[in-house]
PDB file of N, CA and C in Angstrom:
ATOM      1  N   MET A   1      -2.338  -5.542  -7.934  1.00  0.00           N
ATOM      2  CA  MET A   1      -2.014  -4.124  -8.069  1.00  0.00           C
ATOM      3  C   MET A   1      -0.570  -3.965  -8.541  1.00  0.00           C
ATOM      4  N   PRO A   2      -0.331  -2.963  -9.356  1.00  0.00           N
ATOM      5  CA  PRO A   2       1.045  -2.692  -9.765  1.00  0.00           C
ATOM      6  C   PRO A   2       1.831  -2.001  -8.653  1.00  0.00           C
ATOM      7  N   ASP A   3       3.135  -2.018  -8.797  1.00  0.00           N
ATOM      8  CA  ASP A   3       4.018  -1.266  -7.922  1.00  0.00           C
ATOM      9  C   ASP A   3       4.163   0.128  -8.528  1.00  0.00           C
ATOM     10  N   ILE A   4       3.856   1.169  -7.763  1.00  0.00           N
ATOM     11  CA  ILE A   4       3.913   2.545  -8.259  1.00  0.00           C
ATOM     12  C   ILE A   4       4.992   3.291  -7.491  1.00  0.00           C
ATOM     13  N   GLU A   5       5.957   3.839  -8.226  1.00  0.00           N
ATOM     14  CA  GLU A   5       7.095   4.526  -7.624  1.00  0.00           C
ATOM     15  C   GLU A   5       7.195   5.942  -8.191  1.00  0.00           C
ATOM     16  N   ILE A   6       7.291   6.932  -7.321  1.00  0.00           N
ATOM     17  CA  ILE A   6       7.528   8.298  -7.780  1.00  0.00           C
ATOM     18  C   ILE A   6       9.001   8.412  -8.167  1.00  0.00           C
ATOM     19  N   ALA A   7       9.262   8.667  -9.452  1.00  0.00           N
ATOM     20  CA  ALA A   7      10.634   8.783  -9.945  1.00  0.00           C
ATOM     21  C   ALA A   7      11.161  10.204  -9.767  1.00  0.00           C
ATOM     22  N   TYR A   8      10.276  11.194  -9.893  1.00  0.00           N
ATOM     23  CA  TYR A   8      10.683  12.588  -9.698  1.00  0.00           C
ATOM     24  C   TYR A   8       9.460  13.452  -9.471  1.00  0.00           C
ATOM     25  N   SER A   9       9.683  14.620  -8.903  1.00  0.00           N
ATOM     26  CA  SER A   9       8.664  15.671  -8.827  1.00  0.00           C
ATOM     27  C   SER A   9       9.392  17.009  -8.790  1.00  0.00           C
ATOM     28  N   TYR A  10       8.921  17.937  -9.627  1.00  0.00           N
ATOM     29  CA  TYR A  10       9.533  19.263  -9.717  1.00  0.00           C
ATOM     30  C   TYR A  10       8.445  20.320  -9.856  1.00  0.00           C
ATOM     31  N   LYS A  11       8.618  21.421  -9.159  1.00  0.00           N
ATOM     32  CA  LYS A  11       7.747  22.578  -9.374  1.00  0.00           C
ATOM     33  C   LYS A  11       8.141  23.194 -10.714  1.00  0.00           C
ATOM     34  N   LEU A  12       7.148  23.568 -11.511  1.00  0.00           N
ATOM     35  CA  LEU A  12       7.411  24.116 -12.837  1.00  0.00           C
ATOM     36  C   LEU A  12       7.585  25.637 -12.761  1.00  0.00           C
ATOM     37  N   ALA A  13       8.755  26.107 -13.117  1.00  0.00           N
ATOM     38  CA  ALA A  13       9.059  27.534 -13.047  1.00  0.00           C
ATOM     39  C   ALA A  13       8.240  28.336 -14.057  1.00  0.00           C
ATOM     40  N   ASN A  14       7.901  27.733 -15.188  1.00  0.00           N
ATOM     41  CA  ASN A  14       7.173  28.461 -16.224  1.00  0.00           C
ATOM     42  C   ASN A  14       5.659  28.266 -16.158  1.00  0.00           C
ATOM     43  N   CYS A  15       5.182  27.531 -15.161  1.00  0.00           N
ATOM     44  CA  CYS A  15       3.741  27.312 -14.948  1.00  0.00           C
ATOM     45  C   CYS A  15       3.471  27.473 -13.458  1.00  0.00           C
ATOM     46  N   ALA A  16       3.268  28.689 -13.022  1.00  0.00           N
ATOM     47  CA  ALA A  16       3.097  28.984 -11.598  1.00  0.00           C
ATOM     48  C   ALA A  16       2.028  28.098 -10.977  1.00  0.00           C
ATOM     49  N   GLY A  17       2.378  27.510  -9.839  1.00  0.00           N
ATOM     50  CA  GLY A  17       1.427  26.701  -9.086  1.00  0.00           C
ATOM     51  C   GLY A  17       1.280  25.276  -9.571  1.00  0.00           C
ATOM     52  N   LYS A  18       2.108  24.851 -10.539  1.00  0.00           N
ATOM     53  CA  LYS A  18       2.015  23.493 -11.083  1.00  0.00           C
ATOM     54  C   LYS A  18       3.276  22.695 -10.755  1.00  0.00           C
ATOM     55  N   THR A  19       3.084  21.383 -10.600  1.00  0.00           N
ATOM     56  CA  THR A  19       4.178  20.441 -10.371  1.00  0.00           C
ATOM     57  C   THR A  19       4.079  19.335 -11.408  1.00  0.00           C
ATOM     58  N   ILE A  20       5.241  18.866 -11.871  1.00  0.00           N
ATOM     59  CA  ILE A  20       5.307  17.722 -12.770  1.00  0.00           C
ATOM     60  C   ILE A  20       5.837  16.536 -11.969  1.00  0.00           C
ATOM     61  N   VAL A  21       5.176  15.381 -12.113  1.00  0.00           N
ATOM     62  CA  VAL A  21       5.547  14.181 -11.364  1.00  0.00           C
ATOM     63  C   VAL A  21       5.718  13.032 -12.353  1.00  0.00           C
ATOM     64  N   GLY A  22       6.800  12.281 -12.208  1.00  0.00           N
ATOM     65  CA  GLY A  22       7.034  11.086 -13.021  1.00  0.00           C
ATOM     66  C   GLY A  22       6.804   9.845 -12.189  1.00  0.00           C
ATOM     67  N   LEU A  23       6.004   8.921 -12.717  1.00  0.00           N
ATOM     68  CA  LEU A  23       5.707   7.658 -12.033  1.00  0.00           C
ATOM     69  C   LEU A  23       6.161   6.472 -12.869  1.00  0.00           C
ATOM     70  N   ARG A  24       6.846   5.543 -12.240  1.00  0.00           N
ATOM     71  CA  ARG A  24       7.163   4.255 -12.867  1.00  0.00           C
ATOM     72  C   ARG A  24       6.163   3.259 -12.303  1.00  0.00           C
ATOM     73  N   VAL A  25       5.418   2.614 -13.183  1.00  0.00           N
ATOM     74  CA  VAL A  25       4.360   1.689 -12.776  1.00  0.00           C
ATOM     75  C   VAL A  25       4.711   0.310 -13.328  1.00  0.00           C
ATOM     76  N   THR A  26       4.923  -0.661 -12.418  1.00  0.00           N
ATOM     77  CA  THR A  26       5.293  -2.016 -12.812  1.00  0.00           C
ATOM     78  C   THR A  26       4.144  -2.967 -12.489  1.00  0.00           C
ATOM     79  N   PHE A  27       3.568  -3.550 -13.545  1.00  0.00           N
ATOM     80  CA  PHE A  27       2.468  -4.499 -13.404  1.00  0.00           C
ATOM     81  C   PHE A  27       3.030  -5.913 -13.341  1.00  0.00           C
ATOM     82  N   PRO A  28       2.670  -6.693 -12.338  1.00  0.00           N
ATOM     83  CA  PRO A  28       3.059  -8.102 -12.347  1.00  0.00           C
ATOM     84  C   PRO A  28       2.273  -8.823 -13.445  1.00  0.00           C
ATOM     85  N   PRO A  29       2.650 -10.058 -13.782  1.00  0.00           N
ATOM     86  CA  PRO A  29       1.843 -10.821 -14.731  1.00  0.00           C
ATOM     87  C   PRO A  29       0.378 -10.832 -14.277  1.00  0.00           C
ATOM     88  N   ASN A  30      -0.507 -10.589 -15.219  1.00  0.00           N
ATOM     89  CA  ASN A  30      -1.953 -10.564 -14.950  1.00  0.00           C
ATOM     90  C   ASN A  30      -2.352  -9.448 -13.990  1.00  0.00           C
ATOM     91  N   GLY A  31      -1.469  -8.460 -13.781  1.00  0.00           N
ATOM     92  CA  GLY A  31      -1.732  -7.363 -12.848  1.00  0.00           C
ATOM     93  C   GLY A  31      -2.736  -6.370 -13.406  1.00  0.00           C
ATOM     94  N   SER A  32      -3.358  -5.651 -12.498  1.00  0.00           N
ATOM     95  CA  SER A  32      -4.419  -4.733 -12.882  1.00  0.00           C
ATOM     96  C   SER A  32      -4.506  -3.580 -11.894  1.00  0.00           C
ATOM     97  N   THR A  33      -4.884  -2.410 -12.392  1.00  0.00           N
ATOM     98  CA  THR A  33      -5.213  -1.277 -11.538  1.00  0.00           C
ATOM     99  C   THR A  33      -6.723  -1.128 -11.562  1.00  0.00           C
ATOM    100  N   PRO A  34      -7.368  -1.022 -10.406  1.00  0.00           N
ATOM    101  CA  PRO A  34      -8.825  -0.824 -10.403  1.00  0.00           C
ATOM    102  C   PRO A  34      -9.182   0.474 -11.140  1.00  0.00           C
ATOM    103  N   PRO A  35     -10.441   0.615 -11.558  1.00  0.00           N
ATOM    104  CA  PRO A  35     -10.862   1.864 -12.198  1.00  0.00           C
ATOM    105  C   PRO A  35     -10.483   3.061 -11.322  1.00  0.00           C
ATOM    106  N   HIS A  36     -10.001   4.115 -11.976  1.00  0.00           N
ATOM    107  CA  HIS A  36      -9.468   5.255 -11.235  1.00  0.00           C
ATOM    108  C   HIS A  36      -9.481   6.526 -12.073  1.00  0.00           C
ATOM    109  N   ARG A  37      -9.166   7.611 -11.395  1.00  0.00           N
ATOM    110  CA  ARG A  37      -8.964   8.922 -12.015  1.00  0.00           C
ATOM    111  C   ARG A  37      -7.660   9.499 -11.458  1.00  0.00           C
ATOM    112  N   HIS A  38      -7.216  10.555 -12.084  1.00  0.00           N
ATOM    113  CA  HIS A  38      -6.012  11.238 -11.613  1.00  0.00           C
ATOM    114  C   HIS A  38      -6.349  12.674 -11.217  1.00  0.00           C
ATOM    115  N   GLY A  39      -7.536  12.863 -10.670  1.00  0.00           N
ATOM    116  CA  GLY A  39      -7.958  14.176 -10.198  1.00  0.00           C
ATOM    117  C   GLY A  39      -7.869  15.216 -11.286  1.00  0.00           C
ATOM    118  N   GLY A  40      -7.269  16.325 -10.989  1.00  0.00           N
ATOM    119  CA  GLY A  40      -7.118  17.406 -11.947  1.00  0.00           C
ATOM    120  C   GLY A  40      -5.842  17.325 -12.760  1.00  0.00           C
ATOM    121  N   SER A  41      -5.176  16.189 -12.736  1.00  0.00           N
ATOM    122  CA  SER A  41      -3.904  16.032 -13.452  1.00  0.00           C
ATOM    123  C   SER A  41      -4.104  15.823 -14.941  1.00  0.00           C
ATOM    124  N   SER A  42      -3.176  16.349 -15.720  1.00  0.00           N
ATOM    125  CA  SER A  42      -2.994  15.938 -17.111  1.00  0.00           C
ATOM    126  C   SER A  42      -1.960  14.829 -17.067  1.00  0.00           C
ATOM    127  N   VAL A  43      -2.203  13.731 -17.808  1.00  0.00           N
ATOM    128  CA  VAL A  43      -1.321  12.559 -17.744  1.00  0.00           C
ATOM    129  C   VAL A  43      -0.898  12.150 -19.152  1.00  0.00           C
ATOM    130  N   ALA A  44       0.400  11.924 -19.331  1.00  0.00           N
ATOM    131  CA  ALA A  44       0.924  11.311 -20.543  1.00  0.00           C
ATOM    132  C   ALA A  44       1.667  10.058 -20.102  1.00  0.00           C
ATOM    133  N   ALA A  45       1.452   8.949 -20.824  1.00  0.00           N
ATOM    134  CA  ALA A  45       2.066   7.678 -20.426  1.00  0.00           C
ATOM    135  C   ALA A  45       2.769   7.025 -21.608  1.00  0.00           C
ATOM    136  N   TYR A  46       3.817   6.255 -21.294  1.00  0.00           N
ATOM    137  CA  TYR A  46       4.634   5.547 -22.273  1.00  0.00           C
ATOM    138  C   TYR A  46       4.870   4.126 -21.768  1.00  0.00           C
ATOM    139  N   VAL A  47       4.624   3.135 -22.604  1.00  0.00           N
ATOM    140  CA  VAL A  47       4.837   1.738 -22.222  1.00  0.00           C
ATOM    141  C   VAL A  47       6.302   1.383 -22.470  1.00  0.00           C
ATOM    142  N   ILE A  48       7.023   1.095 -21.386  1.00  0.00           N
ATOM    143  CA  ILE A  48       8.444   0.748 -21.462  1.00  0.00           C
ATOM    144  C   ILE A  48       8.615  -0.694 -21.920  1.00  0.00           C
ATOM    145  N   SER A  49       7.778  -1.591 -21.371  1.00  0.00           N
ATOM    146  CA  SER A  49       7.859  -3.003 -21.764  1.00  0.00           C
ATOM    147  C   SER A  49       6.509  -3.664 -21.550  1.00  0.00           C
ATOM    148  N   GLY A  50       6.258  -4.688 -22.340  1.00  0.00           N
ATOM    149  CA  GLY A  50       5.003  -5.424 -22.235  1.00  0.00           C
ATOM    150  C   GLY A  50       3.902  -4.782 -23.060  1.00  0.00           C
ATOM    151  N   THR A  51       2.686  -5.268 -22.832  1.00  0.00           N
ATOM    152  CA  THR A  51       1.494  -4.754 -23.511  1.00  0.00           C
ATOM    153  C   THR A  51       0.419  -4.530 -22.464  1.00  0.00           C
ATOM    154  N   LEU A  52      -0.236  -3.385 -22.547  1.00  0.00           N
ATOM    155  CA  LEU A  52      -1.296  -3.047 -21.596  1.00  0.00           C
ATOM    156  C   LEU A  52      -2.640  -2.992 -22.297  1.00  0.00           C
ATOM    157  N   LEU A  53      -3.684  -3.345 -21.560  1.00  0.00           N
ATOM    158  CA  LEU A  53      -5.062  -3.152 -22.004  1.00  0.00           C
ATOM    159  C   LEU A  53      -5.549  -1.882 -21.330  1.00  0.00           C
ATOM    160  N   SER A  54      -6.165  -0.998 -22.102  1.00  0.00           N
ATOM    161  CA  SER A  54      -6.575   0.290 -21.557  1.00  0.00           C
ATOM    162  C   SER A  54      -7.936   0.690 -22.105  1.00  0.00           C
ATOM    163  N   LYS A  55      -8.792   1.131 -21.201  1.00  0.00           N
ATOM    164  CA  LYS A  55     -10.103   1.665 -21.584  1.00  0.00           C
ATOM    165  C   LYS A  55     -10.334   2.924 -20.765  1.00  0.00           C
ATOM    166  N   MET A  56     -10.559   4.035 -21.469  1.00  0.00           N
ATOM    167  CA  MET A  56     -10.791   5.308 -20.793  1.00  0.00           C
ATOM    168  C   MET A  56     -12.157   5.856 -21.181  1.00  0.00           C
ATOM    169  N   ASN A  57     -12.845   6.390 -20.168  1.00  0.00           N
ATOM    170  CA  ASN A  57     -14.191   6.927 -20.365  1.00  0.00           C
ATOM    171  C   ASN A  57     -15.046   5.879 -21.071  1.00  0.00           C
ATOM    172  N   ASN A  58     -15.737   6.253 -22.134  1.00  0.00           N
ATOM    173  CA  ASN A  58     -16.557   5.301 -22.884  1.00  0.00           C
ATOM    174  C   ASN A  58     -15.910   4.903 -24.205  1.00  0.00           C
ATOM    175  N   ASP A  59     -14.603   5.163 -24.329  1.00  0.00           N
ATOM    176  CA  ASP A  59     -13.869   4.790 -25.536  1.00  0.00           C
ATOM    177  C   ASP A  59     -13.711   3.273 -25.600  1.00  0.00           C
ATOM    178  N   PRO A  60     -13.464   2.722 -26.796  1.00  0.00           N
ATOM    179  CA  PRO A  60     -13.226   1.275 -26.897  1.00  0.00           C
ATOM    180  C   PRO A  60     -11.926   0.869 -26.190  1.00  0.00           C
ATOM    181  N   MET A  61     -11.847  -0.395 -25.801  1.00  0.00           N
ATOM    182  CA  MET A  61     -10.625  -0.960 -25.217  1.00  0.00           C
ATOM    183  C   MET A  61      -9.515  -0.916 -26.263  1.00  0.00           C
ATOM    184  N   LYS A  62      -8.291  -0.593 -25.809  1.00  0.00           N
ATOM    185  CA  LYS A  62      -7.129  -0.582 -26.695  1.00  0.00           C
ATOM    186  C   LYS A  62      -6.037  -1.459 -26.112  1.00  0.00           C
ATOM    187  N   MET A  63      -5.267  -2.099 -27.000  1.00  0.00           N
ATOM    188  CA  MET A  63      -4.037  -2.785 -26.600  1.00  0.00           C
ATOM    189  C   MET A  63      -2.905  -1.823 -26.913  1.00  0.00           C
ATOM    190  N   ILE A  64      -2.089  -1.531 -25.899  1.00  0.00           N
ATOM    191  CA  ILE A  64      -0.991  -0.577 -26.077  1.00  0.00           C
ATOM    192  C   ILE A  64       0.324  -1.338 -25.878  1.00  0.00           C
ATOM    193  N   PRO A  65       1.069  -1.558 -26.966  1.00  0.00           N
ATOM    194  CA  PRO A  65       2.303  -2.345 -26.883  1.00  0.00           C
ATOM    195  C   PRO A  65       3.498  -1.507 -26.425  1.00  0.00           C
ATOM    196  N   THR A  66       4.627  -2.158 -26.220  1.00  0.00           N
ATOM    197  CA  THR A  66       5.879  -1.468 -25.916  1.00  0.00           C
ATOM    198  C   THR A  66       6.071  -0.323 -26.903  1.00  0.00           C
ATOM    199  N   GLY A  67       6.394   0.846 -26.382  1.00  0.00           N
ATOM    200  CA  GLY A  67       6.592   2.023 -27.216  1.00  0.00           C
ATOM    201  C   GLY A  67       5.330   2.830 -27.440  1.00  0.00           C
ATOM    202  N   GLY A  68       4.182   2.290 -27.049  1.00  0.00           N
ATOM    203  CA  GLY A  68       2.917   2.996 -27.216  1.00  0.00           C
ATOM    204  C   GLY A  68       2.738   4.073 -26.156  1.00  0.00           C
ATOM    205  N   THR A  69       1.922   5.063 -26.487  1.00  0.00           N
ATOM    206  CA  THR A  69       1.670   6.182 -25.578  1.00  0.00           C
ATOM    207  C   THR A  69       0.186   6.500 -25.536  1.00  0.00           C
ATOM    208  N   TRP A  70      -0.212   7.274 -24.530  1.00  0.00           N
ATOM    209  CA  TRP A  70      -1.559   7.827 -24.479  1.00  0.00           C
ATOM    210  C   TRP A  70      -1.564   9.061 -23.602  1.00  0.00           C
ATOM    211  N   TYR A  71      -2.677   9.808 -23.688  1.00  0.00           N
ATOM    212  CA  TYR A  71      -2.885  11.019 -22.906  1.00  0.00           C
ATOM    213  C   TYR A  71      -4.223  10.908 -22.190  1.00  0.00           C
ATOM    214  N   GLU A  72      -4.254  11.352 -20.936  1.00  0.00           N
ATOM    215  CA  GLU A  72      -5.491  11.421 -20.158  1.00  0.00           C
ATOM    216  C   GLU A  72      -5.703  12.872 -19.746  1.00  0.00           C
ATOM    217  N   ALA A  73      -6.813  13.454 -20.180  1.00  0.00           N
ATOM    218  CA  ALA A  73      -7.160  14.815 -19.793  1.00  0.00           C
ATOM    219  C   ALA A  73      -7.615  14.828 -18.334  1.00  0.00           C
ATOM    220  N   PRO A  74      -7.553  15.969 -17.658  1.00  0.00           N
ATOM    221  CA  PRO A  74      -8.042  16.042 -16.275  1.00  0.00           C
ATOM    222  C   PRO A  74      -9.475  15.506 -16.176  1.00  0.00           C
ATOM    223  N   GLY A  75      -9.698  14.666 -15.162  1.00  0.00           N
ATOM    224  CA  GLY A  75     -11.017  14.088 -14.935  1.00  0.00           C
ATOM    225  C   GLY A  75     -11.298  12.830 -15.713  1.00  0.00           C
ATOM    226  N   CYS A  76     -10.407  12.407 -16.610  1.00  0.00           N
ATOM    227  CA  CYS A  76     -10.604  11.185 -17.392  1.00  0.00           C
ATOM    228  C   CYS A  76     -10.817  10.000 -16.448  1.00  0.00           C
ATOM    229  N   HIS A  77     -11.752   9.115 -16.807  1.00  0.00           N
ATOM    230  CA  HIS A  77     -12.015   7.912 -16.014  1.00  0.00           C
ATOM    231  C   HIS A  77     -11.309   6.745 -16.687  1.00  0.00           C
ATOM    232  N   HIS A  78     -10.234   6.257 -16.069  1.00  0.00           N
ATOM    233  CA  HIS A  78      -9.467   5.121 -16.593  1.00  0.00           C
ATOM    234  C   HIS A  78     -10.126   3.856 -16.067  1.00  0.00           C
ATOM    235  N   ARG A  79     -11.023   3.290 -16.865  1.00  0.00           N
ATOM    236  CA  ARG A  79     -11.858   2.160 -16.436  1.00  0.00           C
ATOM    237  C   ARG A  79     -11.103   0.833 -16.392  1.00  0.00           C
ATOM    238  N   ILE A  80     -10.196   0.620 -17.359  1.00  0.00           N
ATOM    239  CA  ILE A  80      -9.406  -0.616 -17.395  1.00  0.00           C
ATOM    240  C   ILE A  80      -7.955  -0.254 -17.617  1.00  0.00           C
ATOM    241  N   SER A  81      -7.085  -0.812 -16.798  1.00  0.00           N
ATOM    242  CA  SER A  81      -5.643  -0.633 -16.908  1.00  0.00           C
ATOM    243  C   SER A  81      -5.014  -1.946 -16.459  1.00  0.00           C
ATOM    244  N   ASP A  82      -4.810  -2.846 -17.420  1.00  0.00           N
ATOM    245  CA  ASP A  82      -4.386  -4.217 -17.115  1.00  0.00           C
ATOM    246  C   ASP A  82      -3.147  -4.608 -17.906  1.00  0.00           C
ATOM    247  N   ASN A  83      -2.334  -5.474 -17.306  1.00  0.00           N
ATOM    248  CA  ASN A  83      -1.266  -6.136 -18.033  1.00  0.00           C
ATOM    249  C   ASN A  83      -1.927  -7.202 -18.912  1.00  0.00           C
ATOM    250  N   ALA A  84      -1.664  -7.179 -20.214  1.00  0.00           N
ATOM    251  CA  ALA A  84      -2.275  -8.146 -21.134  1.00  0.00           C
ATOM    252  C   ALA A  84      -1.688  -9.539 -20.980  1.00  0.00           C
ATOM    253  N   SER A  85      -0.524  -9.666 -20.356  1.00  0.00           N
ATOM    254  CA  SER A  85       0.140 -10.964 -20.233  1.00  0.00           C
ATOM    255  C   SER A  85      -0.134 -11.625 -18.887  1.00  0.00           C
ATOM    256  N   LYS A  86      -0.366 -12.911 -18.923  1.00  0.00           N
ATOM    257  CA  LYS A  86      -0.533 -13.693 -17.699  1.00  0.00           C
ATOM    258  C   LYS A  86       0.810 -14.236 -17.194  1.00  0.00           C
ATOM    259  N   THR A  87       1.892 -14.040 -17.985  1.00  0.00           N
ATOM    260  CA  THR A  87       3.185 -14.621 -17.621  1.00  0.00           C
ATOM    261  C   THR A  87       4.338 -13.630 -17.519  1.00  0.00           C
ATOM    262  N   GLU A  88       4.215 -12.447 -18.134  1.00  0.00           N
ATOM    263  CA  GLU A  88       5.303 -11.465 -18.157  1.00  0.00           C
ATOM    264  C   GLU A  88       4.867 -10.154 -17.510  1.00  0.00           C
ATOM    265  N   PRO A  89       5.787  -9.446 -16.836  1.00  0.00           N
ATOM    266  CA  PRO A  89       5.442  -8.129 -16.287  1.00  0.00           C
ATOM    267  C   PRO A  89       5.309  -7.094 -17.407  1.00  0.00           C
ATOM    268  N   ALA A  90       4.731  -5.955 -17.078  1.00  0.00           N
ATOM    269  CA  ALA A  90       4.641  -4.811 -17.991  1.00  0.00           C
ATOM    270  C   ALA A  90       5.000  -3.564 -17.192  1.00  0.00           C
ATOM    271  N   VAL A  91       5.651  -2.619 -17.850  1.00  0.00           N
ATOM    272  CA  VAL A  91       6.102  -1.403 -17.171  1.00  0.00           C
ATOM    273  C   VAL A  91       5.713  -0.187 -18.010  1.00  0.00           C
ATOM    274  N   LEU A  92       5.174   0.830 -17.328  1.00  0.00           N
ATOM    275  CA  LEU A  92       4.890   2.088 -18.005  1.00  0.00           C
ATOM    276  C   LEU A  92       5.497   3.228 -17.206  1.00  0.00           C
ATOM    277  N   PHE A  93       5.693   4.341 -17.885  1.00  0.00           N
ATOM    278  CA  PHE A  93       6.142   5.557 -17.220  1.00  0.00           C
ATOM    279  C   PHE A  93       5.094   6.618 -17.497  1.00  0.00           C
ATOM    280  N   ALA A  94       4.576   7.238 -16.450  1.00  0.00           N
ATOM    281  CA  ALA A  94       3.550   8.267 -16.581  1.00  0.00           C
ATOM    282  C   ALA A  94       4.083   9.597 -16.071  1.00  0.00           C
ATOM    283  N   THR A  95       3.752  10.650 -16.788  1.00  0.00           N
ATOM    284  CA  THR A  95       4.086  12.007 -16.380  1.00  0.00           C
ATOM    285  C   THR A  95       2.785  12.726 -16.092  1.00  0.00           C
ATOM    286  N   LEU A  96       2.670  13.284 -14.886  1.00  0.00           N
ATOM    287  CA  LEU A  96       1.459  13.986 -14.468  1.00  0.00           C
ATOM    288  C   LEU A  96       1.800  15.436 -14.172  1.00  0.00           C
ATOM    289  N   ILE A  97       0.926  16.337 -14.583  1.00  0.00           N
ATOM    290  CA  ILE A  97       1.052  17.754 -14.231  1.00  0.00           C
ATOM    291  C   ILE A  97      -0.190  18.108 -13.428  1.00  0.00           C
ATOM    292  N   LEU A  98       0.035  18.638 -12.212  1.00  0.00           N
ATOM    293  CA  LEU A  98      -1.075  18.943 -11.321  1.00  0.00           C
ATOM    294  C   LEU A  98      -0.756  20.163 -10.470  1.00  0.00           C
ATOM    295  N   GLU A  99      -1.760  20.615  -9.740  1.00  0.00           N
ATOM    296  CA  GLU A  99      -1.593  21.745  -8.839  1.00  0.00           C
ATOM    297  C   GLU A  99      -0.595  21.384  -7.741  1.00  0.00           C
ATOM    298  N   THR A 100       0.404  22.231  -7.538  1.00  0.00           N
ATOM    299  CA  THR A 100       1.418  22.001  -6.512  1.00  0.00           C
ATOM    300  C   THR A 100       0.777  21.869  -5.131  1.00  0.00           C
ATOM    301  N   SER A 101      -0.168  22.733  -4.816  1.00  0.00           N
ATOM    302  CA  SER A 101      -0.784  22.699  -3.482  1.00  0.00           C
ATOM    303  C   SER A 101      -1.499  21.373  -3.233  1.00  0.00           C
ATOM    304  N   VAL A 102      -2.123  20.814  -4.259  1.00  0.00           N
ATOM    305  CA  VAL A 102      -2.816  19.524  -4.113  1.00  0.00           C
ATOM    306  C   VAL A 102      -1.798  18.412  -3.886  1.00  0.00           C
ATOM    307  N   PHE A 103      -0.705  18.411  -4.653  1.00  0.00           N
ATOM    308  CA  PHE A 103       0.327  17.384  -4.496  1.00  0.00           C
ATOM    309  C   PHE A 103       0.999  17.491  -3.130  1.00  0.00           C
ATOM    310  N   GLU A 104       1.307  18.711  -2.694  1.00  0.00           N
ATOM    311  CA  GLU A 104       1.940  18.882  -1.385  1.00  0.00           C
ATOM    312  C   GLU A 104       1.011  18.455  -0.256  1.00  0.00           C
ATOM    313  N   ARG A 105      -0.275  18.680  -0.401  1.00  0.00           N
ATOM    314  CA  ARG A 105      -1.243  18.327   0.636  1.00  0.00           C
ATOM    315  C   ARG A 105      -1.546  16.823   0.655  1.00  0.00           C
ATOM    316  N   ASP A 106      -1.733  16.213  -0.540  1.00  0.00           N
ATOM    317  CA  ASP A 106      -2.252  14.839  -0.606  1.00  0.00           C
ATOM    318  C   ASP A 106      -1.246  13.789  -1.048  1.00  0.00           C
ATOM    319  N   GLY A 107      -0.085  14.183  -1.542  1.00  0.00           N
ATOM    320  CA  GLY A 107       0.930  13.216  -1.965  1.00  0.00           C
ATOM    321  C   GLY A 107       0.393  12.230  -2.983  1.00  0.00           C
ATOM    322  N   MET A 108       0.649  10.942  -2.770  1.00  0.00           N
ATOM    323  CA  MET A 108       0.236   9.895  -3.708  1.00  0.00           C
ATOM    324  C   MET A 108      -1.276   9.897  -3.922  1.00  0.00           C
ATOM    325  N   ASP A 109      -2.047  10.264  -2.909  1.00  0.00           N
ATOM    326  CA  ASP A 109      -3.502  10.302  -3.059  1.00  0.00           C
ATOM    327  C   ASP A 109      -3.948  11.348  -4.079  1.00  0.00           C
ATOM    328  N   ALA A 110      -3.109  12.341  -4.354  1.00  0.00           N
ATOM    329  CA  ALA A 110      -3.425  13.329  -5.387  1.00  0.00           C
ATOM    330  C   ALA A 110      -3.208  12.753  -6.778  1.00  0.00           C
ATOM    331  N   LEU A 111      -2.377  11.718  -6.878  1.00  0.00           N
ATOM    332  CA  LEU A 111      -1.985  11.178  -8.176  1.00  0.00           C
ATOM    333  C   LEU A 111      -2.933  10.113  -8.702  1.00  0.00           C
ATOM    334  N   ILE A 112      -3.545   9.355  -7.809  1.00  0.00           N
ATOM    335  CA  ILE A 112      -4.453   8.291  -8.248  1.00  0.00           C
ATOM    336  C   ILE A 112      -5.583   8.155  -7.232  1.00  0.00           C
ATOM    337  N   GLN A 113      -6.812   8.213  -7.737  1.00  0.00           N
ATOM    338  CA  GLN A 113      -7.998   8.037  -6.893  1.00  0.00           C
ATOM    339  C   GLN A 113      -8.772   6.828  -7.410  1.00  0.00           C
ATOM    340  N   ILE A 114      -8.675   5.720  -6.667  1.00  0.00           N
ATOM    341  CA  ILE A 114      -9.380   4.485  -7.010  1.00  0.00           C
ATOM    342  C   ILE A 114     -10.874   4.704  -6.790  1.00  0.00           C
ATOM    343  N   ASP A 115     -11.697   4.200  -7.733  1.00  0.00           N
ATOM    344  CA  ASP A 115     -13.151   4.294  -7.563  1.00  0.00           C
ATOM    345  C   ASP A 115     -13.553   3.688  -6.226  1.00  0.00           C
ATOM    346  N   GLU A 116     -14.474   4.337  -5.560  1.00  0.00           N
ATOM    347  CA  GLU A 116     -14.905   3.959  -4.194  1.00  0.00           C
ATOM    348  C   GLU A 116     -15.238   2.477  -4.063  1.00  0.00           C
ATOM    349  N   GLU A 117     -15.972   1.919  -5.025  1.00  0.00           N
ATOM    350  CA  GLU A 117     -16.422   0.519  -4.893  1.00  0.00           C
ATOM    351  C   GLU A 117     -15.286  -0.499  -5.029  1.00  0.00           C
ATOM    352  N   TYR A 118     -14.069  -0.045  -5.409  1.00  0.00           N
ATOM    353  CA  TYR A 118     -12.932  -0.959  -5.549  1.00  0.00           C
ATOM    354  C   TYR A 118     -11.902  -0.816  -4.439  1.00  0.00           C
ATOM    355  N   ARG A 119     -12.156   0.100  -3.490  1.00  0.00           N
ATOM    356  CA  ARG A 119     -11.203   0.293  -2.381  1.00  0.00           C
ATOM    357  C   ARG A 119     -11.292  -0.814  -1.371  1.00  0.00           C
TER     358      ARG A 119
END
């Protein structure tokens, strides 16, 4: 599993009831996140270093190198999220926008929901 750190969270003044959260996600060599969703969040991600393997919904697998980005719409199923390297770490930064009440109630559990069979 990667190390997931909340870098910031702010209530959005121009979007009533919404919060923006920044996550730094550090994958160890050969690291992987089990299949998951981000609830009702909109997610934009940027690869800071390394290369990630990513498969969302029924889309084909993609290799996302340093500097690469992607977007996940609310409800997107992130089936594969792996560090492509067996020897080097990989780091991404994700920005999530979600309901403030959900984030205040559930914290980190509002940000990532691992598929039941992988818990």
